[in-house]
Amino acid sequence: MSPMRKIFRGTSVGVVFALSASLAASVTFGNEVGERRDDHDIALGALERGEILPLETVLSEVRKTIHGEIVGIELERERETWLYQIKIIAPGNSMIEVHVDARTAKVLETRGK
C-alpha cells in the first residue's frame, strides 16, 4: 500500500471516529428543575435497569421510517416515561422533531416535515 493511501485510510478512519464521537457528545439529558446529578450516570443507570434501550437501537428503528441527518438528541423523563427527542434535518432542509419511547423505540410523535 502506498504511503499516500495509508495516510488517506487513516484519515478516513479518524473522520468516521470523530463523527461518531460528535454524535455521542450531542446527546443531552433534559434535567428536571433542581436535579444536578451527572447526566451520563442517570442515562447509564436507566439503561442498566432496563428502563431504556441503547441509543443505537432506538436510532436504528427511527431510521427505518424517517430519513435525514440527525442533528440533536435529548433524553428526557416525562412523568414515568423516558423519551428520546430526536431532531432530524430531512431532505429538502426541513426540520423534523421525533419523540420516541426510550424503552420500546416506538415513535410517539413527529413534528415538522
PDB file of N, CA and C in Angstrom:
ATOM      1  N   MET A   1       0.855  -1.172   0.000  1.00  0.00           N
ATOM      2  CA  MET A   1       0.000   0.000   0.000  1.00  0.00           C
ATOM      3  C   MET A   1       0.898   1.231   0.000  1.00  0.00           C
ATOM      4  N   SER A   2       0.573   2.193  -0.836  1.00  0.00           N
ATOM      5  CA  SER A   2       1.393   3.394  -0.947  1.00  0.00           C
ATOM      6  C   SER A   2       1.263   4.240   0.318  1.00  0.00           C
ATOM      7  N   PRO A   3       2.297   5.049   0.627  1.00  0.00           N
ATOM      8  CA  PRO A   3       2.223   5.903   1.822  1.00  0.00           C
ATOM      9  C   PRO A   3       1.022   6.849   1.789  1.00  0.00           C
ATOM     10  N   MET A   4       0.702   7.387   0.604  1.00  0.00           N
ATOM     11  CA  MET A   4      -0.433   8.307   0.497  1.00  0.00           C
ATOM     12  C   MET A   4      -1.742   7.587   0.806  1.00  0.00           C
ATOM     13  N   ARG A   5      -1.865   6.353   0.341  1.00  0.00           N
ATOM     14  CA  ARG A   5      -3.074   5.585   0.591  1.00  0.00           C
ATOM     15  C   ARG A   5      -3.215   5.281   2.088  1.00  0.00           C
ATOM     16  N   LYS A   6      -2.085   4.972   2.752  1.00  0.00           N
ATOM     17  CA  LYS A   6      -2.115   4.725   4.189  1.00  0.00           C
ATOM     18  C   LYS A   6      -2.580   5.969   4.939  1.00  0.00           C
ATOM     19  N   ILE A   7      -2.091   7.130   4.539  1.00  0.00           N
ATOM     20  CA  ILE A   7      -2.495   8.377   5.189  1.00  0.00           C
ATOM     21  C   ILE A   7      -3.981   8.606   4.989  1.00  0.00           C
ATOM     22  N   PHE A   8      -4.462   8.413   3.750  1.00  0.00           N
ATOM     23  CA  PHE A   8      -5.877   8.624   3.463  1.00  0.00           C
ATOM     24  C   PHE A   8      -6.737   7.655   4.261  1.00  0.00           C
ATOM     25  N   ARG A   9      -6.320   6.393   4.309  1.00  0.00           N
ATOM     26  CA  ARG A   9      -7.088   5.397   5.040  1.00  0.00           C
ATOM     27  C   ARG A   9      -7.154   5.759   6.520  1.00  0.00           C
ATOM     28  N   GLY A  10      -6.025   6.152   7.087  1.00  0.00           N
ATOM     29  CA  GLY A  10      -6.009   6.563   8.486  1.00  0.00           C
ATOM     30  C   GLY A  10      -6.859   7.789   8.725  1.00  0.00           C
ATOM     31  N   THR A  11      -6.836   8.708   7.785  1.00  0.00           N
ATOM     32  CA  THR A  11      -7.629   9.928   7.914  1.00  0.00           C
ATOM     33  C   THR A  11      -9.113   9.611   7.862  1.00  0.00           C
ATOM     34  N   SER A  12      -9.518   8.737   6.941  1.00  0.00           N
ATOM     35  CA  SER A  12     -10.942   8.428   6.836  1.00  0.00           C
ATOM     36  C   SER A  12     -11.438   7.701   8.079  1.00  0.00           C
ATOM     37  N   VAL A  13     -10.619   6.836   8.663  1.00  0.00           N
ATOM     38  CA  VAL A  13     -10.999   6.171   9.905  1.00  0.00           C
ATOM     39  C   VAL A  13     -11.133   7.209  11.011  1.00  0.00           C
ATOM     40  N   GLY A  14     -10.202   8.174  11.041  1.00  0.00           N
ATOM     41  CA  GLY A  14     -10.262   9.239  12.037  1.00  0.00           C
ATOM     42  C   GLY A  14     -11.503  10.093  11.886  1.00  0.00           C
ATOM     43  N   VAL A  15     -11.887  10.375  10.649  1.00  0.00           N
ATOM     44  CA  VAL A  15     -13.085  11.183  10.400  1.00  0.00           C
ATOM     45  C   VAL A  15     -14.325  10.430  10.868  1.00  0.00           C
ATOM     46  N   VAL A  16     -14.417   9.140  10.557  1.00  0.00           N
ATOM     47  CA  VAL A  16     -15.556   8.338  10.994  1.00  0.00           C
ATOM     48  C   VAL A  16     -15.620   8.315  12.514  1.00  0.00           C
ATOM     49  N   PHE A  17     -14.466   8.135  13.170  1.00  0.00           N
ATOM     50  CA  PHE A  17     -14.427   8.122  14.626  1.00  0.00           C
ATOM     51  C   PHE A  17     -14.876   9.464  15.189  1.00  0.00           C
ATOM     52  N   ALA A  18     -14.391  10.550  14.600  1.00  0.00           N
ATOM     53  CA  ALA A  18     -14.751  11.891  15.072  1.00  0.00           C
ATOM     54  C   ALA A  18     -16.247  12.141  14.915  1.00  0.00           C
ATOM     55  N   LEU A  19     -16.824  11.701  13.795  1.00  0.00           N
ATOM     56  CA  LEU A  19     -18.262  11.882  13.588  1.00  0.00           C
ATOM     57  C   LEU A  19     -19.066  11.074  14.597  1.00  0.00           C
ATOM     58  N   SER A  20     -18.614   9.841  14.876  1.00  0.00           N
ATOM     59  CA  SER A  20     -19.294   9.017  15.868  1.00  0.00           C
ATOM     60  C   SER A  20     -19.220   9.663  17.242  1.00  0.00           C
ATOM     61  N   ALA A  21     -18.041  10.176  17.582  1.00  0.00           N
ATOM     62  CA  ALA A  21     -17.863  10.823  18.880  1.00  0.00           C
ATOM     63  C   ALA A  21     -18.716  12.074  18.990  1.00  0.00           C
ATOM     64  N   SER A  22     -18.824  12.828  17.897  1.00  0.00           N
ATOM     65  CA  SER A  22     -19.617  14.060  17.964  1.00  0.00           C
ATOM     66  C   SER A  22     -21.096  13.741  18.119  1.00  0.00           C
ATOM     67  N   LEU A  23     -21.569  12.655  17.500  1.00  0.00           N
ATOM     68  CA  LEU A  23     -22.963  12.270  17.676  1.00  0.00           C
ATOM     69  C   LEU A  23     -23.204  11.860  19.120  1.00  0.00           C
ATOM     70  N   ALA A  24     -22.277  11.071  19.672  1.00  0.00           N
ATOM     71  CA  ALA A  24     -22.416  10.661  21.066  1.00  0.00           C
ATOM     72  C   ALA A  24     -22.392  11.868  21.991  1.00  0.00           C
ATOM     73  N   ALA A  25     -21.540  12.833  21.692  1.00  0.00           N
ATOM     74  CA  ALA A  25     -21.435  14.028  22.531  1.00  0.00           C
ATOM     75  C   ALA A  25     -22.655  14.918  22.400  1.00  0.00           C
ATOM     76  N   SER A  26     -23.399  14.778  21.299  1.00  0.00           N
ATOM     77  CA  SER A  26     -24.553  15.650  21.098  1.00  0.00           C
ATOM     78  C   SER A  26     -25.777  15.186  21.875  1.00  0.00           C
ATOM     79  N   VAL A  27     -25.714  13.991  22.460  1.00  0.00           N
ATOM     80  CA  VAL A  27     -26.827  13.503  23.254  1.00  0.00           C
ATOM     81  C   VAL A  27     -26.846  14.265  24.573  1.00  0.00           C
ATOM     82  N   THR A  28     -27.944  14.899  24.880  1.00  0.00           N
ATOM     83  CA  THR A  28     -28.069  15.617  26.137  1.00  0.00           C
ATOM     84  C   THR A  28     -29.243  15.063  26.909  1.00  0.00           C
ATOM     85  N   PHE A  29     -29.295  15.387  28.152  1.00  0.00           N
ATOM     86  CA  PHE A  29     -30.336  14.878  29.027  1.00  0.00           C
ATOM     87  C   PHE A  29     -31.133  16.044  29.559  1.00  0.00           C
ATOM     88  N   GLY A  30     -32.439  16.008  29.401  1.00  0.00           N
ATOM     89  CA  GLY A  30     -33.286  17.086  29.907  1.00  0.00           C
ATOM     90  C   GLY A  30     -33.542  16.906  31.389  1.00  0.00           C
ATOM     91  N   ASN A  31     -32.817  17.626  32.217  1.00  0.00           N
ATOM     92  CA  ASN A  31     -32.973  17.526  33.667  1.00  0.00           C
ATOM     93  C   ASN A  31     -34.248  18.192  34.143  1.00  0.00           C
ATOM     94  N   GLU A  32     -34.812  17.648  35.194  1.00  0.00           N
ATOM     95  CA  GLU A  32     -35.899  18.320  35.868  1.00  0.00           C
ATOM     96  C   GLU A  32     -35.285  19.441  36.696  1.00  0.00           C
ATOM     97  N   VAL A  33     -36.072  20.456  36.990  1.00  0.00           N
ATOM     98  CA  VAL A  33     -35.570  21.612  37.736  1.00  0.00           C
ATOM     99  C   VAL A  33     -34.988  21.153  39.071  1.00  0.00           C
ATOM    100  N   GLY A  34     -33.803  21.634  39.370  1.00  0.00           N
ATOM    101  CA  GLY A  34     -33.160  21.335  40.642  1.00  0.00           C
ATOM    102  C   GLY A  34     -32.356  20.050  40.655  1.00  0.00           C
ATOM    103  N   GLU A  35     -32.498  19.228  39.648  1.00  0.00           N
ATOM    104  CA  GLU A  35     -31.757  17.968  39.618  1.00  0.00           C
ATOM    105  C   GLU A  35     -30.368  18.219  39.068  1.00  0.00           C
ATOM    106  N   ARG A  36     -29.329  17.848  39.800  1.00  0.00           N
ATOM    107  CA  ARG A  36     -27.967  18.183  39.405  1.00  0.00           C
ATOM    108  C   ARG A  36     -27.059  16.964  39.266  1.00  0.00           C
ATOM    109  N   ARG A  37     -27.628  15.767  39.209  1.00  0.00           N
ATOM    110  CA  ARG A  37     -26.777  14.591  39.050  1.00  0.00           C
ATOM    111  C   ARG A  37     -26.178  14.555  37.656  1.00  0.00           C
ATOM    112  N   ASP A  38     -25.099  13.826  37.523  1.00  0.00           N
ATOM    113  CA  ASP A  38     -24.426  13.709  36.233  1.00  0.00           C
ATOM    114  C   ASP A  38     -25.330  13.019  35.220  1.00  0.00           C
ATOM    115  N   ASP A  39     -25.549  13.677  34.085  1.00  0.00           N
ATOM    116  CA  ASP A  39     -26.447  13.166  33.045  1.00  0.00           C
ATOM    117  C   ASP A  39     -26.063  11.775  32.570  1.00  0.00           C
ATOM    118  N   HIS A  40     -24.779  11.570  32.378  1.00  0.00           N
ATOM    119  CA  HIS A  40     -24.305  10.275  31.886  1.00  0.00           C
ATOM    120  C   HIS A  40     -24.668   9.166  32.861  1.00  0.00           C
ATOM    121  N   ASP A  41     -24.475   9.406  34.154  1.00  0.00           N
ATOM    122  CA  ASP A  41     -24.783   8.397  35.163  1.00  0.00           C
ATOM    123  C   ASP A  41     -26.275   8.091  35.216  1.00  0.00           C
ATOM    124  N   ILE A  42     -27.092   9.112  35.045  1.00  0.00           N
ATOM    125  CA  ILE A  42     -28.543   8.912  35.045  1.00  0.00           C
ATOM    126  C   ILE A  42     -28.949   8.029  33.870  1.00  0.00           C
ATOM    127  N   ALA A  43     -28.450   8.354  32.685  1.00  0.00           N
ATOM    128  CA  ALA A  43     -28.783   7.574  31.485  1.00  0.00           C
ATOM    129  C   ALA A  43     -28.247   6.153  31.595  1.00  0.00           C
ATOM    130  N   LEU A  44     -27.020   5.999  32.073  1.00  0.00           N
ATOM    131  CA  LEU A  44     -26.427   4.668  32.216  1.00  0.00           C
ATOM    132  C   LEU A  44     -27.218   3.830  33.211  1.00  0.00           C
ATOM    133  N   GLY A  45     -27.626   4.449  34.309  1.00  0.00           N
ATOM    134  CA  GLY A  45     -28.434   3.736  35.296  1.00  0.00           C
ATOM    135  C   GLY A  45     -29.753   3.271  34.711  1.00  0.00           C
ATOM    136  N   ALA A  46     -30.406   4.137  33.942  1.00  0.00           N
ATOM    137  CA  ALA A  46     -31.674   3.769  33.303  1.00  0.00           C
ATOM    138  C   ALA A  46     -31.475   2.616  32.326  1.00  0.00           C
ATOM    139  N   LEU A  47     -30.371   2.644  31.590  1.00  0.00           N
ATOM    140  CA  LEU A  47     -30.061   1.564  30.649  1.00  0.00           C
ATOM    141  C   LEU A  47     -29.820   0.255  31.396  1.00  0.00           C
ATOM    142  N   GLU A  48     -29.030   0.307  32.457  1.00  0.00           N
ATOM    143  CA  GLU A  48     -28.713  -0.900  33.232  1.00  0.00           C
ATOM    144  C   GLU A  48     -29.946  -1.492  33.903  1.00  0.00           C
ATOM    145  N   ARG A  49     -30.894  -0.653  34.288  1.00  0.00           N
ATOM    146  CA  ARG A  49     -32.136  -1.133  34.913  1.00  0.00           C
ATOM    147  C   ARG A  49     -33.161  -1.603  33.883  1.00  0.00           C
ATOM    148  N   GLY A  50     -32.843  -1.461  32.604  1.00  0.00           N
ATOM    149  CA  GLY A  50     -33.762  -1.878  31.551  1.00  0.00           C
ATOM    150  C   GLY A  50     -34.883  -0.886  31.298  1.00  0.00           C
ATOM    151  N   GLU A  51     -34.729   0.341  31.791  1.00  0.00           N
ATOM    152  CA  GLU A  51     -35.757   1.362  31.602  1.00  0.00           C
ATOM    153  C   GLU A  51     -35.687   1.999  30.221  1.00  0.00           C
ATOM    154  N   ILE A  52     -34.516   1.956  29.587  1.00  0.00           N
ATOM    155  CA  ILE A  52     -34.344   2.500  28.240  1.00  0.00           C
ATOM    156  C   ILE A  52     -33.543   1.517  27.400  1.00  0.00           C
ATOM    157  N   LEU A  53     -33.734   1.610  26.091  1.00  0.00           N
ATOM    158  CA  LEU A  53     -32.934   0.837  25.141  1.00  0.00           C
ATOM    159  C   LEU A  53     -31.659   1.610  24.819  1.00  0.00           C
ATOM    160  N   PRO A  54     -30.639   0.905  24.326  1.00  0.00           N
ATOM    161  CA  PRO A  54     -29.443   1.625  23.866  1.00  0.00           C
ATOM    162  C   PRO A  54     -29.819   2.609  22.758  1.00  0.00           C
ATOM    163  N   LEU A  55     -29.152   3.743  22.741  1.00  0.00           N
ATOM    164  CA  LEU A  55     -29.445   4.781  21.760  1.00  0.00           C
ATOM    165  C   LEU A  55     -29.360   4.247  20.336  1.00  0.00           C
ATOM    166  N   GLU A  56     -28.360   3.447  20.030  1.00  0.00           N
ATOM    167  CA  GLU A  56     -28.197   2.940  18.666  1.00  0.00           C
ATOM    168  C   GLU A  56     -29.393   2.086  18.244  1.00  0.00           C
ATOM    169  N   THR A  57     -29.981   1.343  19.171  1.00  0.00           N
ATOM    170  CA  THR A  57     -31.177   0.551  18.871  1.00  0.00           C
ATOM    171  C   THR A  57     -32.346   1.467  18.510  1.00  0.00           C
ATOM    172  N   VAL A  58     -32.516   2.524  19.289  1.00  0.00           N
ATOM    173  CA  VAL A  58     -33.595   3.481  19.032  1.00  0.00           C
ATOM    174  C   VAL A  58     -33.386   4.172  17.686  1.00  0.00           C
ATOM    175  N   LEU A  59     -32.154   4.622  17.427  1.00  0.00           N
ATOM    176  CA  LEU A  59     -31.869   5.309  16.161  1.00  0.00           C
ATOM    177  C   LEU A  59     -32.085   4.388  14.968  1.00  0.00           C
ATOM    178  N   SER A  60     -31.754   3.123  15.117  1.00  0.00           N
ATOM    179  CA  SER A  60     -31.958   2.157  14.039  1.00  0.00           C
ATOM    180  C   SER A  60     -33.443   2.054  13.682  1.00  0.00           C
ATOM    181  N   GLU A  61     -34.297   2.037  14.685  1.00  0.00           N
ATOM    182  CA  GLU A  61     -35.742   1.980  14.438  1.00  0.00           C
ATOM    183  C   GLU A  61     -36.250   3.261  13.783  1.00  0.00           C
ATOM    184  N   VAL A  62     -35.788   4.407  14.261  1.00  0.00           N
ATOM    185  CA  VAL A  62     -36.227   5.690  13.704  1.00  0.00           C
ATOM    186  C   VAL A  62     -35.805   5.805  12.245  1.00  0.00           C
ATOM    187  N   ARG A  63     -34.582   5.380  11.943  1.00  0.00           N
ATOM    188  CA  ARG A  63     -34.054   5.496  10.571  1.00  0.00           C
ATOM    189  C   ARG A  63     -34.817   4.638   9.565  1.00  0.00           C
ATOM    190  N   LYS A  64     -35.573   3.651  10.037  1.00  0.00           N
ATOM    191  CA  LYS A  64     -36.359   2.813   9.127  1.00  0.00           C
ATOM    192  C   LYS A  64     -37.481   3.607   8.456  1.00  0.00           C
ATOM    193  N   THR A  65     -37.970   4.640   9.134  1.00  0.00           N
ATOM    194  CA  THR A  65     -39.111   5.384   8.599  1.00  0.00           C
ATOM    195  C   THR A  65     -38.842   6.865   8.357  1.00  0.00           C
ATOM    196  N   ILE A  66     -37.831   7.417   9.006  1.00  0.00           N
ATOM    197  CA  ILE A  66     -37.547   8.848   8.863  1.00  0.00           C
ATOM    198  C   ILE A  66     -36.114   9.009   8.390  1.00  0.00           C
ATOM    199  N   HIS A  67     -35.947   9.671   7.260  1.00  0.00           N
ATOM    200  CA  HIS A  67     -34.622   9.818   6.664  1.00  0.00           C
ATOM    201  C   HIS A  67     -34.121  11.241   6.834  1.00  0.00           C
ATOM    202  N   GLY A  68     -32.817  11.363   6.991  1.00  0.00           N
ATOM    203  CA  GLY A  68     -32.204  12.673   7.122  1.00  0.00           C
ATOM    204  C   GLY A  68     -31.011  12.617   8.057  1.00  0.00           C
ATOM    205  N   GLU A  69     -30.479  13.794   8.365  1.00  0.00           N
ATOM    206  CA  GLU A  69     -29.300  13.905   9.221  1.00  0.00           C
ATOM    207  C   GLU A  69     -29.731  14.236  10.649  1.00  0.00           C
ATOM    208  N   ILE A  70     -29.310  13.407  11.584  1.00  0.00           N
ATOM    209  CA  ILE A  70     -29.622  13.642  12.990  1.00  0.00           C
ATOM    210  C   ILE A  70     -28.727  14.765  13.495  1.00  0.00           C
ATOM    211  N   VAL A  71     -29.346  15.806  14.039  1.00  0.00           N
ATOM    212  CA  VAL A  71     -28.580  16.968  14.497  1.00  0.00           C
ATOM    213  C   VAL A  71     -28.703  17.202  16.002  1.00  0.00           C
ATOM    214  N   GLY A  72     -29.565  16.477  16.665  1.00  0.00           N
ATOM    215  CA  GLY A  72     -29.684  16.644  18.104  1.00  0.00           C
ATOM    216  C   GLY A  72     -30.488  15.526  18.732  1.00  0.00           C
ATOM    217  N   ILE A  73     -30.078  15.144  19.939  1.00  0.00           N
ATOM    218  CA  ILE A  73     -30.776  14.088  20.668  1.00  0.00           C
ATOM    219  C   ILE A  73     -30.823  14.491  22.136  1.00  0.00           C
ATOM    220  N   GLU A  74     -31.996  14.362  22.731  1.00  0.00           N
ATOM    221  CA  GLU A  74     -32.139  14.601  24.162  1.00  0.00           C
ATOM    222  C   GLU A  74     -32.867  13.416  24.773  1.00  0.00           C
ATOM    223  N   LEU A  75     -32.466  13.039  25.967  1.00  0.00           N
ATOM    224  CA  LEU A  75     -33.157  12.017  26.739  1.00  0.00           C
ATOM    225  C   LEU A  75     -33.868  12.735  27.877  1.00  0.00           C
ATOM    226  N   GLU A  76     -35.172  12.550  27.941  1.00  0.00           N
ATOM    227  CA  GLU A  76     -35.973  13.247  28.944  1.00  0.00           C
ATOM    228  C   GLU A  76     -36.867  12.255  29.674  1.00  0.00           C
ATOM    229  N   ARG A  77     -37.206  12.605  30.884  1.00  0.00           N
ATOM    230  CA  ARG A  77     -38.170  11.796  31.628  1.00  0.00           C
ATOM    231  C   ARG A  77     -39.410  12.643  31.850  1.00  0.00           C
ATOM    232  N   GLU A  78     -40.515  12.191  31.295  1.00  0.00           N
ATOM    233  CA  GLU A  78     -41.797  12.867  31.475  1.00  0.00           C
ATOM    234  C   GLU A  78     -42.716  11.926  32.234  1.00  0.00           C
ATOM    235  N   ARG A  79     -43.051  12.338  33.436  1.00  0.00           N
ATOM    236  CA  ARG A  79     -43.814  11.503  34.367  1.00  0.00           C
ATOM    237  C   ARG A  79     -43.041  10.206  34.587  1.00  0.00           C
ATOM    238  N   GLU A  80     -43.572   9.088  34.181  1.00  0.00           N
ATOM    239  CA  GLU A  80     -42.886   7.802  34.374  1.00  0.00           C
ATOM    240  C   GLU A  80     -42.275   7.258  33.090  1.00  0.00           C
ATOM    241  N   THR A  81     -42.256   8.067  32.028  1.00  0.00           N
ATOM    242  CA  THR A  81     -41.807   7.595  30.718  1.00  0.00           C
ATOM    243  C   THR A  81     -40.524   8.292  30.284  1.00  0.00           C
ATOM    244  N   TRP A  82     -39.542   7.493  29.872  1.00  0.00           N
ATOM    245  CA  TRP A  82     -38.316   8.039  29.285  1.00  0.00           C
ATOM    246  C   TRP A  82     -38.559   8.257  27.801  1.00  0.00           C
ATOM    247  N   LEU A  83     -38.183   9.437  27.305  1.00  0.00           N
ATOM    248  CA  LEU A  83     -38.357   9.770  25.895  1.00  0.00           C
ATOM    249  C   LEU A  83     -37.050  10.254  25.295  1.00  0.00           C
ATOM    250  N   TYR A  84     -36.800   9.822  24.058  1.00  0.00           N
ATOM    251  CA  TYR A  84     -35.739  10.430  23.260  1.00  0.00           C
ATOM    252  C   TYR A  84     -36.409  11.465  22.372  1.00  0.00           C
ATOM    253  N   GLN A  85     -35.889  12.674  22.390  1.00  0.00           N
ATOM    254  CA  GLN A  85     -36.341  13.724  21.476  1.00  0.00           C
ATOM    255  C   GLN A  85     -35.225  13.871  20.447  1.00  0.00           C
ATOM    256  N   ILE A  86     -35.520  13.510  19.209  1.00  0.00           N
ATOM    257  CA  ILE A  86     -34.506  13.466  18.155  1.00  0.00           C
ATOM    258  C   ILE A  86     -34.845  14.517  17.104  1.00  0.00           C
ATOM    259  N   LYS A  87     -33.873  15.369  16.795  1.00  0.00           N
ATOM    260  CA  LYS A  87     -34.055  16.391  15.759  1.00  0.00           C
ATOM    261  C   LYS A  87     -33.319  15.941  14.511  1.00  0.00           C
ATOM    262  N   ILE A  88     -34.032  15.980  13.386  1.00  0.00           N
ATOM    263  CA  ILE A  88     -33.506  15.491  12.115  1.00  0.00           C
ATOM    264  C   ILE A  88     -33.725  16.554  11.043  1.00  0.00           C
ATOM    265  N   ILE A  89     -32.691  16.809  10.250  1.00  0.00           N
ATOM    266  CA  ILE A  89     -32.861  17.645   9.064  1.00  0.00           C
ATOM    267  C   ILE A  89     -33.157  16.692   7.915  1.00  0.00           C
ATOM    268  N   ALA A  90     -34.381  16.778   7.413  1.00  0.00           N
ATOM    269  CA  ALA A  90     -34.844  15.881   6.356  1.00  0.00           C
ATOM    270  C   ALA A  90     -34.402  16.403   4.997  1.00  0.00           C
ATOM    271  N   PRO A  91     -34.473  15.543   3.972  1.00  0.00           N
ATOM    272  CA  PRO A  91     -34.198  16.018   2.616  1.00  0.00           C
ATOM    273  C   PRO A  91     -35.089  17.231   2.324  1.00  0.00           C
ATOM    274  N   GLY A  92     -34.523  18.247   1.704  1.00  0.00           N
ATOM    275  CA  GLY A  92     -35.247  19.490   1.469  1.00  0.00           C
ATOM    276  C   GLY A  92     -35.035  20.497   2.584  1.00  0.00           C
ATOM    277  N   ASN A  93     -34.170  20.149   3.541  1.00  0.00           N
ATOM    278  CA  ASN A  93     -33.788  21.022   4.658  1.00  0.00           C
ATOM    279  C   ASN A  93     -34.912  21.359   5.626  1.00  0.00           C
ATOM    280  N   SER A  94     -35.909  20.508   5.739  1.00  0.00           N
ATOM    281  CA  SER A  94     -36.939  20.744   6.751  1.00  0.00           C
ATOM    282  C   SER A  94     -36.520  20.062   8.054  1.00  0.00           C
ATOM    283  N   MET A  95     -36.862  20.683   9.173  1.00  0.00           N
ATOM    284  CA  MET A  95     -36.525  20.141  10.488  1.00  0.00           C
ATOM    285  C   MET A  95     -37.672  19.277  10.984  1.00  0.00           C
ATOM    286  N   ILE A  96     -37.335  18.074  11.417  1.00  0.00           N
ATOM    287  CA  ILE A  96     -38.320  17.157  11.980  1.00  0.00           C
ATOM    288  C   ILE A  96     -37.910  16.868  13.415  1.00  0.00           C
ATOM    289  N   GLU A  97     -38.871  16.908  14.317  1.00  0.00           N
ATOM    290  CA  GLU A  97     -38.631  16.550  15.709  1.00  0.00           C
ATOM    291  C   GLU A  97     -39.420  15.277  15.987  1.00  0.00           C
ATOM    292  N   VAL A  98     -38.724  14.257  16.443  1.00  0.00           N
ATOM    293  CA  VAL A  98     -39.338  12.955  16.666  1.00  0.00           C
ATOM    294  C   VAL A  98     -39.258  12.624  18.153  1.00  0.00           C
ATOM    295  N   HIS A  99     -40.386  12.234  18.740  1.00  0.00           N
ATOM    296  CA  HIS A  99     -40.419  11.806  20.135  1.00  0.00           C
ATOM    297  C   HIS A  99     -40.576  10.287  20.132  1.00  0.00           C
ATOM    298  N   VAL A 100     -39.650   9.623  20.811  1.00  0.00           N
ATOM    299  CA  VAL A 100     -39.599   8.166  20.789  1.00  0.00           C
ATOM    300  C   VAL A 100     -39.601   7.635  22.221  1.00  0.00           C
ATOM    301  N   ASP A 101     -40.421   6.624  22.481  1.00  0.00           N
ATOM    302  CA  ASP A 101     -40.401   5.952  23.776  1.00  0.00           C
ATOM    303  C   ASP A 101     -39.043   5.263  23.913  1.00  0.00           C
ATOM    304  N   ALA A 102     -38.270   5.637  24.909  1.00  0.00           N
ATOM    305  CA  ALA A 102     -36.903   5.129  25.053  1.00  0.00           C
ATOM    306  C   ALA A 102     -36.857   3.670  25.484  1.00  0.00           C
ATOM    307  N   ARG A 103     -37.958   3.132  25.995  1.00  0.00           N
ATOM    308  CA  ARG A 103     -37.971   1.734  26.417  1.00  0.00           C
ATOM    309  C   ARG A 103     -38.379   0.786  25.296  1.00  0.00           C
ATOM    310  N   THR A 104     -39.202   1.282  24.348  1.00  0.00           N
ATOM    311  CA  THR A 104     -39.719   0.408  23.294  1.00  0.00           C
ATOM    312  C   THR A 104     -39.247   0.782  21.894  1.00  0.00           C
ATOM    313  N   ALA A 105     -38.680   1.970  21.736  1.00  0.00           N
ATOM    314  CA  ALA A 105     -38.255   2.527  20.438  1.00  0.00           C
ATOM    315  C   ALA A 105     -39.447   2.852  19.540  1.00  0.00           C
ATOM    316  N   LYS A 106     -40.634   2.931  20.120  1.00  0.00           N
ATOM    317  CA  LYS A 106     -41.834   3.286  19.355  1.00  0.00           C
ATOM    318  C   LYS A 106     -41.887   4.800  19.168  1.00  0.00           C
ATOM    319  N   VAL A 107     -42.083   5.227  17.905  1.00  0.00           N
ATOM    320  CA  VAL A 107     -42.235   6.653  17.616  1.00  0.00           C
ATOM    321  C   VAL A 107     -43.611   7.079  18.119  1.00  0.00           C
ATOM    322  N   LEU A 108     -43.621   8.047  19.030  1.00  0.00           N
ATOM    323  CA  LEU A 108     -44.862   8.519  19.629  1.00  0.00           C
ATOM    324  C   LEU A 108     -45.426   9.741  18.920  1.00  0.00           C
ATOM    325  N   GLU A 109     -44.530  10.596  18.432  1.00  0.00           N
ATOM    326  CA  GLU A 109     -44.967  11.840  17.810  1.00  0.00           C
ATOM    327  C   GLU A 109     -43.892  12.329  16.854  1.00  0.00           C
ATOM    328  N   THR A 110     -44.337  12.902  15.749  1.00  0.00           N
ATOM    329  CA  THR A 110     -43.434  13.520  14.781  1.00  0.00           C
ATOM    330  C   THR A 110     -43.960  14.915  14.488  1.00  0.00           C
ATOM    331  N   ARG A 111     -43.080  15.904  14.626  1.00  0.00           N
ATOM    332  CA  ARG A 111     -43.452  17.298  14.329  1.00  0.00           C
ATOM    333  C   ARG A 111     -42.593  17.796  13.187  1.00  0.00           C
ATOM    334  N   GLY A 112     -43.175  18.593  12.338  1.00  0.00           N
ATOM    335  CA  GLY A 112     -42.430  19.139  11.207  1.00  0.00           C
ATOM    336  C   GLY A 112     -42.792  18.422   9.927  1.00  0.00           C
ATOM    337  N   LYS A 113     -41.878  18.347   9.019  1.00  0.00           N
ATOM    338  CA  LYS A 113     -41.965  17.703   7.706  1.00  0.00           C
ATOM    339  C   LYS A 113     -42.098  18.688   6.654  1.00  0.00           C
TER     340      LYS A 113
END
